[in-house]
Protein backbone atom coordinates (compact mmCIF):
# COMPACT_ATOMS: atom_id res chain seq x y z
CA MET A 1 -100.78 -55.46 64.94
CA PRO A 2 -102.35 -52.41 63.68
CA MET A 3 -104.74 -50.68 65.64
CA SER A 4 -107.52 -48.90 64.06
CA ILE A 5 -107.10 -45.18 64.18
CA ASP A 6 -110.87 -44.51 65.67
CA THR A 7 -109.54 -47.18 68.32
CA ILE A 8 -106.82 -44.24 68.77
CA ILE A 9 -108.60 -41.22 68.56
CA ALA A 10 -111.25 -42.67 70.95
CA ARG A 11 -107.86 -44.24 73.67
CA LEU A 12 -106.86 -40.08 73.19
CA GLY A 13 -110.35 -38.88 74.64
CA GLY A 14 -112.23 -38.06 71.22
CA PRO A 15 -111.60 -35.80 67.97
CA GLU A 16 -110.79 -32.50 69.71
CA ALA A 17 -108.26 -33.67 72.32
CA THR A 18 -106.68 -35.57 70.31
CA ALA A 19 -106.16 -32.58 67.36
CA ARG A 20 -105.20 -30.58 71.00
CA LEU A 21 -102.72 -33.31 71.59
CA THR A 22 -101.25 -33.32 68.56
CA GLY A 23 -101.28 -29.34 67.32
CA VAL A 24 -103.68 -30.24 64.51
CA GLY A 25 -107.29 -29.04 63.63
CA THR A 26 -110.30 -31.51 63.67
CA GLU A 27 -110.65 -31.62 59.69
CA ALA A 28 -107.11 -33.61 59.80
CA ILE A 29 -108.65 -35.36 62.21
CA ARG A 30 -110.79 -36.19 59.70
CA LYS A 31 -108.79 -37.20 57.44
CA TRP A 32 -106.68 -39.41 59.25
CA ARG A 33 -109.80 -41.69 59.72
CA GLN A 34 -110.21 -40.91 56.18
CA ALA A 35 -106.73 -42.35 54.82
CA GLN A 36 -107.44 -44.40 58.30
CA ALA A 37 -103.53 -43.73 58.58
CA ILE A 38 -101.79 -40.72 60.87
CA PRO A 39 -98.84 -39.15 59.53
CA SER A 40 -95.48 -40.60 61.28
CA ARG A 41 -94.80 -37.75 62.89
CA HIS A 42 -97.53 -37.53 65.16
CA TRP A 43 -96.16 -41.17 66.26
CA PRO A 44 -94.10 -40.41 69.34
CA VAL A 45 -96.48 -38.03 71.27
CA ILE A 46 -99.32 -40.19 70.76
CA ALA A 47 -97.22 -43.16 71.47
CA GLN A 48 -96.25 -41.56 74.97
CA ALA A 49 -99.75 -40.72 75.79
CA THR A 50 -101.26 -43.73 75.28
CA GLY A 51 -98.77 -46.38 75.92
CA LEU A 52 -99.18 -47.79 71.99
CA SER A 53 -96.00 -49.01 70.72
CA LEU A 54 -94.96 -47.30 67.15
CA ALA A 55 -95.65 -50.59 65.42
CA ASP A 56 -99.57 -50.16 67.11
CA LEU A 57 -99.37 -46.99 64.83
CA GLN A 58 -98.11 -48.15 61.60
CA PRO A 59 -101.42 -48.29 58.76
CA ALA A 60 -102.50 -52.16 58.47
CA ASP A 61 -101.68 -51.13 54.31
CA PRO A 62 -98.48 -49.43 54.62
CA THR A 63 -98.56 -47.84 51.40
CA LEU A 64 -101.46 -45.26 52.96
CA GLN A 65 -98.23 -44.19 55.60
CA ASP A 66 -97.37 -40.84 55.25
CA LYS A 67 -94.94 -39.91 53.68
CA SER A 68 -95.73 -35.74 52.50
CA SER A 69 -93.34 -35.00 55.44
CA PRO A 70 -89.56 -34.89 55.40
CA THR A 71 -89.50 -35.60 59.29
CA GLY A 72 -90.75 -39.07 58.72
CA GLY A 73 -91.38 -39.27 62.73
CA SER A 74 -88.71 -40.32 64.69
CA THR A 75 -86.05 -43.70 64.90
CA THR A 76 -84.70 -45.05 68.03
CA GLY A 77 -81.45 -46.91 67.52
CA SER A 78 -80.73 -46.29 64.08
CA SER A 79 -76.84 -46.80 62.57
CA MET A 80 -77.87 -46.71 58.93
CA PRO A 81 -77.18 -44.45 57.00
CA ASP A 82 -79.52 -44.50 54.61
CA ALA A 83 -82.30 -45.31 57.15
CA ARG A 84 -83.87 -40.88 56.41
CA PRO A 85 -87.45 -40.81 54.92
CA ASP A 86 -87.44 -39.71 51.47
CA GLY A 87 -87.35 -35.77 51.77
CA ALA A 88 -85.53 -35.30 54.67
CA THR A 89 -82.05 -33.15 53.93
CA ALA A 90 -81.27 -32.74 57.89
CA ALA A 91 -80.57 -34.25 61.03
CA LEU A 92 -81.49 -34.25 64.68
CA VAL A 93 -79.68 -36.80 66.71
CA LEU A 94 -79.70 -37.08 70.29
CA ALA A 95 -77.30 -38.71 73.31
CA ASP A 96 -79.88 -41.43 74.45
CA GLY A 97 -80.23 -42.86 70.08
CA THR A 98 -82.68 -40.84 69.29
CA ILE A 99 -82.96 -39.31 65.55
CA LEU A 100 -84.95 -37.49 64.40
CA TRP A 101 -84.93 -36.38 60.58
CA GLY A 102 -86.13 -33.12 59.16
CA LYS A 103 -86.23 -30.26 56.13
CA GLY A 104 -82.62 -28.37 56.71
CA PHE A 105 -82.54 -24.81 56.20
CA GLY A 106 -80.07 -21.76 57.05
CA ALA A 107 -76.07 -22.70 56.56
CA PHE A 108 -75.24 -25.89 55.88
CA THR A 109 -72.84 -28.07 58.07
CA GLN A 110 -69.62 -29.31 57.54
CA GLN A 111 -69.27 -30.41 60.61
CA PRO A 112 -72.27 -31.75 62.96
CA SER A 113 -73.10 -29.00 65.17
CA ILE A 114 -73.52 -30.39 68.09
CA GLY A 115 -74.40 -28.42 72.39
CA GLU A 116 -76.78 -28.44 75.00
CA ILE A 117 -80.67 -29.82 73.20
CA CYS A 118 -82.76 -26.76 74.83
CA PHE A 119 -86.35 -25.45 74.34
CA SER A 120 -87.30 -22.25 74.63
CA THR A 121 -91.64 -21.16 75.29
CA GLY A 122 -91.47 -17.32 73.39
CA MET A 123 -94.06 -16.96 71.02
CA THR A 124 -91.86 -13.87 69.53
CA GLY A 125 -88.46 -13.03 69.65
CA TYR A 126 -87.02 -15.07 68.16
CA GLN A 127 -84.06 -13.05 66.28
CA GLU A 128 -83.25 -11.48 70.29
CA THR A 129 -83.25 -15.23 71.08
CA LEU A 130 -81.23 -16.25 68.94
CA THR A 131 -78.64 -13.32 69.21
CA ASP A 132 -78.70 -13.79 73.20
CA PRO A 133 -75.15 -15.18 74.01
CA SER A 134 -76.63 -17.04 77.08
CA PHE A 135 -77.67 -19.66 74.27
CA ALA A 136 -73.74 -20.23 74.00
CA GLY A 137 -73.47 -24.24 73.59
CA GLN A 138 -76.90 -25.21 73.04
CA ILE A 139 -79.26 -25.88 69.82
CA ILE A 140 -83.15 -23.87 70.58
CA THR A 141 -85.50 -25.67 70.11
CA PHE A 142 -88.75 -23.31 69.13
CA THR A 143 -91.94 -24.50 70.91
CA PHE A 144 -93.94 -21.95 68.85
CA PRO A 145 -94.81 -23.22 65.75
CA HIS A 146 -94.80 -20.89 63.26
CA ILE A 147 -91.02 -19.05 63.33
CA GLY A 148 -89.79 -16.24 60.50
CA ASN A 149 -93.26 -14.14 60.57
CA VAL A 150 -91.81 -10.99 61.50
CA GLY A 151 -88.52 -11.67 59.52
CA THR A 152 -84.90 -9.95 60.88
CA ASN A 153 -84.16 -6.91 60.40
CA VAL A 154 -80.93 -4.62 62.41
CA GLU A 155 -81.96 -3.19 65.18
CA ASP A 156 -83.50 -6.19 66.57
CA ASP A 157 -79.60 -8.33 67.76
CA GLU A 158 -78.93 -8.67 71.33
CA ALA A 159 -75.35 -9.44 69.82
CA ASP A 160 -72.77 -8.86 66.88
CA GLN A 161 -72.76 -12.80 66.42
CA VAL A 162 -75.29 -15.46 67.12
CA ALA A 163 -73.87 -17.69 69.71
CA ALA A 164 -76.12 -20.11 69.79
CA ARG A 165 -75.50 -23.82 67.99
CA GLY A 166 -78.82 -24.65 66.08
CA LEU A 167 -82.53 -23.86 65.66
CA VAL A 168 -85.06 -26.57 65.76
CA VAL A 169 -88.61 -26.01 64.71
CA LYS A 170 -92.40 -27.47 63.55
CA GLU A 171 -92.88 -25.84 60.17
CA ASP A 172 -91.28 -24.86 57.29
CA VAL A 173 -89.83 -21.38 57.85
CA THR A 174 -92.24 -18.23 57.04
CA GLU A 175 -91.75 -15.57 54.35
CA PRO A 176 -91.58 -12.48 56.62
CA ALA A 177 -94.50 -10.16 56.69
CA ASN A 178 -93.62 -6.99 58.97
CA TRP A 179 -92.98 -4.12 57.65
CA ARG A 180 -89.74 -4.10 59.54
CA SER A 181 -88.19 -6.56 58.22
CA THR A 182 -84.85 -6.34 55.83
CA ALA A 183 -84.36 -10.33 55.54
CA SER A 184 -85.81 -13.65 55.78
CA LEU A 185 -84.73 -15.84 58.86
CA ASP A 186 -83.34 -18.48 55.98
CA ALA A 187 -81.10 -15.76 54.87
CA TRP A 188 -79.71 -13.98 57.85
CA LEU A 189 -78.93 -17.12 59.31
CA LYS A 190 -76.76 -18.08 56.11
CA LYS A 191 -75.09 -15.52 56.82
CA ARG A 192 -74.31 -16.20 60.08
CA ASN A 193 -73.30 -19.35 58.99
CA VAL A 194 -76.19 -21.30 61.52
CA PRO A 195 -77.86 -23.85 61.17
CA GLY A 196 -81.59 -25.37 61.62
CA ILE A 197 -83.99 -28.22 61.04
CA ALA A 198 -87.78 -28.08 60.69
CA GLY A 199 -90.34 -30.26 59.93
CA VAL A 200 -89.81 -31.93 63.34
CA ASP A 201 -92.09 -32.47 66.20
CA THR A 202 -90.77 -30.18 68.85
CA ARG A 203 -93.76 -30.91 70.66
CA SER A 204 -92.46 -34.56 71.47
CA LEU A 205 -88.90 -33.02 71.62
CA THR A 206 -89.94 -30.71 74.33
CA LEU A 207 -91.54 -33.54 76.29
CA LYS A 208 -88.39 -35.89 75.93
CA ILE A 209 -86.50 -32.60 77.62
CA ARG A 210 -88.30 -31.49 79.71
CA ASP A 211 -89.64 -35.36 81.87
CA LYS A 212 -85.61 -36.68 81.23
CA GLY A 213 -83.61 -33.33 81.86
CA ALA A 214 -80.95 -31.82 78.92
CA GLN A 215 -78.72 -33.87 77.13
CA SER A 216 -76.68 -33.69 74.30
CA ALA A 217 -77.72 -33.25 70.77
CA ALA A 218 -76.10 -32.90 66.59
CA LEU A 219 -77.85 -31.26 64.17
CA PHE A 220 -76.41 -31.80 60.87
CA TYR A 221 -77.07 -30.53 57.24
CA PRO A 222 -74.85 -31.55 54.91
CA GLU A 223 -74.55 -29.77 51.52
CA ASN A 224 -73.68 -33.39 49.52
CA GLY A 225 -76.39 -34.73 51.70
CA LYS A 226 -74.80 -37.59 53.00
CA PHE A 227 -75.32 -39.26 56.98
CA ASP A 228 -72.78 -41.10 58.55
CA LEU A 229 -75.51 -41.97 61.95
CA ASP A 230 -72.70 -44.17 63.54
CA ALA A 231 -70.23 -40.83 63.62
CA LEU A 232 -73.32 -38.62 64.04
CA GLN A 233 -74.09 -40.30 67.53
CA ALA A 234 -70.63 -41.03 68.72
CA ALA A 235 -70.07 -37.33 68.54
CA THR A 236 -73.12 -36.15 70.28
CA LYS A 237 -72.24 -38.86 73.15
CA ALA A 238 -68.68 -37.68 73.63
CA TRP A 239 -70.00 -34.10 73.92
CA PRO A 240 -69.07 -33.08 77.63
CA GLY A 241 -71.59 -30.45 78.29
CA LEU A 242 -72.15 -27.67 79.87
CA GLU A 243 -71.21 -28.27 83.82
CA GLY A 244 -67.76 -27.03 84.11
CA MET A 245 -68.18 -25.07 80.94
CA ASP A 246 -66.68 -21.67 80.96
CA LEU A 247 -68.41 -19.26 77.76
CA ALA A 248 -68.66 -16.56 79.34
CA LYS A 249 -64.26 -15.81 77.36
CA GLU A 250 -65.97 -17.28 74.53
CA VAL A 251 -69.19 -14.18 73.93
CA THR A 252 -67.41 -11.37 75.84
CA CYS A 253 -65.77 -8.04 74.53
CA LYS A 254 -62.71 -7.84 73.20
CA ALA A 255 -61.39 -4.75 75.09
CA PRO A 256 -63.77 -1.70 76.36
CA TYR A 257 -66.15 0.16 75.10
CA THR A 258 -69.02 2.84 76.09
CA TRP A 259 -72.50 2.53 75.45
CA ASP A 260 -74.60 5.58 75.21
CA LYS A 261 -77.92 4.33 73.30
CA SER A 262 -81.11 3.77 75.45
CA VAL A 263 -84.48 1.92 74.76
CA TRP A 264 -86.66 2.87 72.05
CA ASP A 265 -89.82 4.46 72.68
CA TRP A 266 -92.30 4.39 69.58
CA PRO A 267 -93.04 6.12 67.73
CA ALA A 268 -90.01 8.83 68.31
CA GLY A 269 -86.86 6.17 68.59
CA THR A 270 -84.79 6.43 71.11
CA ARG A 271 -86.12 7.71 74.82
CA ALA A 272 -84.59 10.96 75.41
CA VAL A 273 -82.43 10.85 79.19
CA SER A 274 -82.04 13.94 80.63
CA GLY A 275 -80.89 14.81 84.39
CA LYS A 276 -77.77 13.11 86.65
CA ARG A 277 -75.66 10.18 84.95
CA ARG A 278 -74.28 8.25 87.15
CA LYS A 279 -71.12 6.32 85.88
CA VAL A 280 -72.03 2.60 85.69
CA VAL A 281 -69.52 -0.08 84.75
CA ALA A 282 -70.85 -3.06 82.95
CA VAL A 283 -69.02 -6.64 83.57
CA ASP A 284 -69.64 -8.12 79.84
CA TYR A 285 -70.26 -12.08 80.31
CA GLY A 286 -72.28 -12.25 77.46
CA ALA A 287 -74.46 -9.14 77.73
CA LYS A 288 -77.49 -8.12 76.14
CA ARG A 289 -78.04 -4.94 73.86
CA ASN A 290 -81.38 -3.90 75.46
CA ILE A 291 -79.80 -4.43 79.04
CA LEU A 292 -77.15 -1.69 78.37
CA ARG A 293 -80.07 0.62 77.06
CA CYS A 294 -81.93 0.13 80.04
CA LEU A 295 -79.39 0.85 82.03
CA VAL A 296 -78.62 4.08 79.68
CA ALA A 297 -82.64 4.85 79.77
CA ALA A 298 -82.33 4.72 83.93
CA GLY A 299 -79.91 7.18 83.43
CA CYS A 300 -76.36 5.54 83.24
CA ASP A 301 -73.27 6.57 81.53
CA VAL A 302 -72.50 3.07 80.93
CA THR A 303 -68.93 1.47 80.28
CA VAL A 304 -68.93 -2.18 79.01
CA VAL A 305 -65.14 -4.12 80.17
CA PRO A 306 -64.42 -7.93 79.53
CA ALA A 307 -65.57 -11.00 81.92
CA THR A 308 -62.02 -11.75 82.59
CA THR A 309 -61.56 -7.66 83.56
CA THR A 310 -59.88 -7.27 87.43
CA ALA A 311 -61.04 -5.57 90.50
CA LYS A 312 -58.36 -2.91 89.74
CA GLU A 313 -59.21 -2.31 86.26
CA ILE A 314 -62.46 -1.80 86.97
CA LEU A 315 -62.28 0.34 90.51
CA ASP A 316 -59.69 2.63 87.84
CA LEU A 317 -62.23 3.33 86.03
CA LYS A 318 -64.10 5.58 88.98
CA PRO A 319 -67.83 4.05 88.98
CA GLU A 320 -70.19 4.60 90.70
CA GLY A 321 -72.00 1.45 90.14
CA VAL A 322 -70.68 -1.84 88.85
CA PHE A 323 -72.84 -4.21 86.84
CA LEU A 324 -72.45 -7.79 86.29
CA SER A 325 -74.46 -8.93 82.95
CA ASN A 326 -75.38 -12.25 81.74
CA GLY A 327 -73.64 -14.69 79.97
CA PRO A 328 -74.20 -18.58 78.98
CA GLY A 329 -72.04 -22.15 80.30
CA ASP A 330 -71.47 -22.95 84.12
CA PRO A 331 -71.08 -20.13 86.32
CA ALA A 332 -68.82 -22.50 88.58
CA ALA A 333 -66.27 -22.10 86.12
CA THR A 334 -66.68 -19.05 84.67
CA ALA A 335 -66.18 -17.79 88.81
CA SER A 336 -62.73 -18.94 88.52
CA TYR A 337 -61.72 -15.41 87.65
CA ALA A 338 -64.93 -13.35 88.36
CA VAL A 339 -65.75 -13.98 91.96
CA PRO A 340 -62.64 -12.48 92.99
CA ALA A 341 -62.98 -9.34 90.90
CA ILE A 342 -66.47 -8.86 92.34
CA LYS A 343 -65.46 -9.62 96.11
CA ASP A 344 -62.99 -7.17 95.88
CA VAL A 345 -65.35 -4.86 94.22
CA LEU A 346 -67.44 -5.31 96.75
CA ASP A 347 -65.20 -4.90 99.64
CA ALA A 348 -64.36 -1.40 97.76
CA GLY A 349 -68.05 -0.48 98.65
CA ILE A 350 -69.54 0.43 95.82
CA PRO A 351 -72.94 -0.56 94.38
CA LEU A 352 -73.78 -3.51 92.22
CA PHE A 353 -76.38 -5.12 90.18
CA GLY A 354 -76.60 -8.59 89.10
CA ILE A 355 -78.71 -10.27 86.26
CA CYS A 356 -78.89 -13.96 85.45
CA LEU A 357 -74.89 -14.94 85.15
CA GLY A 358 -74.32 -12.01 87.16
CA HIS A 359 -77.36 -13.10 89.56
CA GLN A 360 -75.05 -16.43 89.76
CA LEU A 361 -71.93 -14.87 90.00
CA LEU A 362 -73.00 -12.43 92.60
CA ALA A 363 -74.07 -14.94 94.98
CA GLN A 364 -71.36 -16.84 94.54
CA ALA A 365 -68.81 -14.02 95.77
CA LEU A 366 -71.50 -14.13 98.62
CA GLY A 367 -70.37 -17.49 99.53
CA GLY A 368 -73.09 -19.21 98.37
CA LYS A 369 -73.56 -21.94 95.76
CA THR A 370 -74.94 -22.69 91.94
CA TYR A 371 -75.88 -26.07 90.62
CA LYS A 372 -77.58 -27.52 87.80
CA LEU A 373 -81.90 -27.25 86.53
CA ALA A 374 -82.79 -29.97 85.25
CA ARG A 375 -83.95 -28.75 82.38
CA GLY A 376 -83.45 -25.43 82.55
CA HIS A 377 -85.82 -21.82 82.37
CA ARG A 378 -85.96 -20.35 78.92
CA GLY A 379 -88.70 -18.13 77.19
CA ALA A 380 -91.52 -15.76 78.30
CA ASN A 381 -94.33 -15.41 81.26
CA GLN A 382 -92.48 -17.24 84.22
CA PRO A 383 -94.19 -16.03 87.19
CA VAL A 384 -91.98 -15.23 89.26
CA LYS A 385 -92.59 -13.34 92.96
CA ASP A 386 -91.20 -10.19 94.82
CA LEU A 387 -90.80 -11.61 98.17
CA SER A 388 -90.79 -7.82 99.43
CA THR A 389 -93.91 -6.66 98.37
CA GLY A 390 -95.72 -10.04 96.79
CA ARG A 391 -96.19 -9.11 93.32
CA VAL A 392 -95.60 -11.32 90.73
CA GLU A 393 -93.92 -10.17 87.46
CA ILE A 394 -94.38 -11.63 84.09
CA THR A 395 -90.20 -12.67 83.31
CA SER A 396 -88.51 -13.55 80.09
CA GLN A 397 -85.76 -15.82 81.21
CA ASN A 398 -82.80 -18.49 80.08
CA HIS A 399 -80.90 -19.90 81.92
CA GLY A 400 -79.82 -23.60 83.04
CA PHE A 401 -78.22 -23.25 86.42
CA ALA A 402 -79.46 -21.69 89.33
CA VAL A 403 -78.36 -20.09 93.16
CA ASP A 404 -79.11 -22.58 95.48
CA ALA A 405 -80.66 -20.78 97.90
CA ASP A 406 -79.97 -22.67 102.01
CA SER A 407 -76.26 -21.92 100.18
CA LEU A 408 -76.64 -18.27 100.78
CA PRO A 409 -74.70 -16.24 104.23
CA ALA A 410 -77.03 -15.55 107.09
CA ASP A 411 -75.97 -11.56 105.89
CA ALA A 412 -77.96 -12.41 102.21
CA HIS A 413 -81.60 -13.26 101.80
CA VAL A 414 -83.79 -13.98 99.02
CA THR A 415 -85.25 -11.68 97.02
CA HIS A 416 -87.71 -13.33 94.47
CA VAL A 417 -88.46 -17.21 93.74
CA SER A 418 -89.96 -19.00 90.87
CA LEU A 419 -93.99 -19.56 91.00
CA PHE A 420 -92.93 -22.57 88.53
CA ASP A 421 -90.47 -24.68 90.70
CA GLY A 422 -89.67 -22.84 94.11
CA SER A 423 -86.33 -22.04 92.46
CA ASN A 424 -84.60 -18.57 93.24
CA GLU A 425 -84.94 -15.66 91.45
CA GLY A 426 -82.97 -12.68 93.19
CA LEU A 427 -80.89 -12.01 96.26
CA ALA A 428 -79.74 -9.30 98.13
CA SER A 429 -76.80 -8.79 100.10
CA ASP A 430 -77.37 -7.57 103.84
CA ARG A 431 -73.90 -6.40 104.04
CA TYR A 432 -73.32 -4.45 100.59
CA ALA A 433 -75.24 -2.43 98.55
CA ALA A 434 -75.52 -5.11 95.97
CA PHE A 435 -78.49 -6.98 94.94
CA SER A 436 -79.40 -9.69 91.78
CA VAL A 437 -81.93 -11.33 89.75
CA GLN A 438 -81.93 -14.72 87.92
CA TYR A 439 -84.16 -13.73 85.34
CA HIS A 440 -84.22 -10.93 82.57
CA PRO A 441 -85.77 -7.39 83.30
CA GLU A 442 -84.73 -5.87 79.46
CA ALA A 443 -86.83 -8.25 77.84
CA SER A 444 -90.11 -6.89 78.56
CA PRO A 445 -93.10 -9.59 78.22
CA GLY A 446 -94.83 -7.59 80.78
CA PRO A 447 -94.18 -5.80 79.36
CA SER A 448 -92.32 -3.45 81.81
CA ASP A 449 -93.10 -5.36 85.01
CA SER A 450 -89.55 -5.86 85.81
CA TYR A 451 -88.26 -1.90 84.69
CA TYR A 452 -88.13 -0.80 88.06
CA LEU A 453 -84.55 -3.34 88.92
CA PHE A 454 -83.04 -0.60 86.73
CA GLU A 455 -84.40 2.46 88.39
CA ARG A 456 -83.67 0.27 91.78
CA PHE A 457 -80.34 0.62 91.16
CA VAL A 458 -79.68 4.19 90.41
CA ALA A 459 -81.65 4.47 93.38
CA LEU A 460 -79.01 2.41 95.40
CA ILE A 461 -76.25 4.47 93.93
CA ASP A 462 -77.69 7.56 94.40
CA ALA A 463 -78.15 6.85 98.33
CA HIS A 464 -74.91 5.71 98.39
CA ALA A 465 -73.46 8.77 96.89
CA SER A 466 -75.47 10.93 99.69
CA LYS A 467 -73.40 8.71 102.28
CA ASN A 468 -70.03 9.90 100.77
């Protein structure tokens, strides 16, 4: 039998606690009491918090059920092609059978866009997130509800293409209100053939990912409005997942190129670089442009090469240092061709610095192992402790795999750890002039807590050069 709204609110700890849990204002709670109905998009999170069933949350009078939202909450195990709520134009189907309805935006999909569903906690930087090649093979859930506020512009792309397979947001994408915007997020996504879905209870979805781990999902936004949920569920379950998947080859550059742009320095524009410049080869496993800008700002003359470049080809460029970039996929799969090249560069005595996937590949080249995290670290405001100084850095991260610190050889040591879960965030070799970090020092959520790492790399090159 349906439970009264007042009883449900009391179980949640009162109006203010209910508002915090569901992400609404107390005025909305007053309206729920007045209407004697809770909008269905809030049912999953309330059910999880109270232990109530969805039947307990349905209004006694079915005519009171909320129909203003196109999501209509979630449906588990439904196989009816016409089971979607009024106004829903897109669906997100999870491998566990959960179906989340919403309003599509961005590009229509002729075939479902399938990938690993993940969440990112950043309040800003959605354009940088979407263009980060490390998100290849993934559908991004933004935990911040208002996406689209600052629009898009050509300067904030981290790569030419969007590697992510789709995005999930709570509220309708907002119109831009920023002077730098040149196009709305919706138009930007359409141009890049990327679908999105709005109106989803992203809090409930994030809790599912947090508590049950990563799983595959299909985002479908058909132009004709027709859904075959059985086919979508079958396709989602058939997707193999990211373990064992090498995606660096999909996002790497096709040929070597040079990069000479420095970081932005308001209001002058690109920061000027002076002094001696060190020749650095950056191996592109899915490199973000701002990493290359930071290398230039630190005093590097950067040549970018594809992920599959051999050690001989790298060494023929006469680098004073080698940089290993971020990137997507399973590092154990990418290691088949990356690790032999990294080992030869290390043996040649060239100073080396790695970030994210580059960190994981360096660990494997030194003899360590990697493993898949249950939910990954994605977004800003992630605290990392530098063990050498005791300093805590506020970092930006994007990774689903991690280095097993216990697997590192005796001549390598841990330099940084996550204060969220204790996982490895950095290492250094005692045998080679090489170090790496799991997080993204170029993303600057601190805003400049971690920039010293680029300067440390150049200092390592300088020290090595003075010995030779």
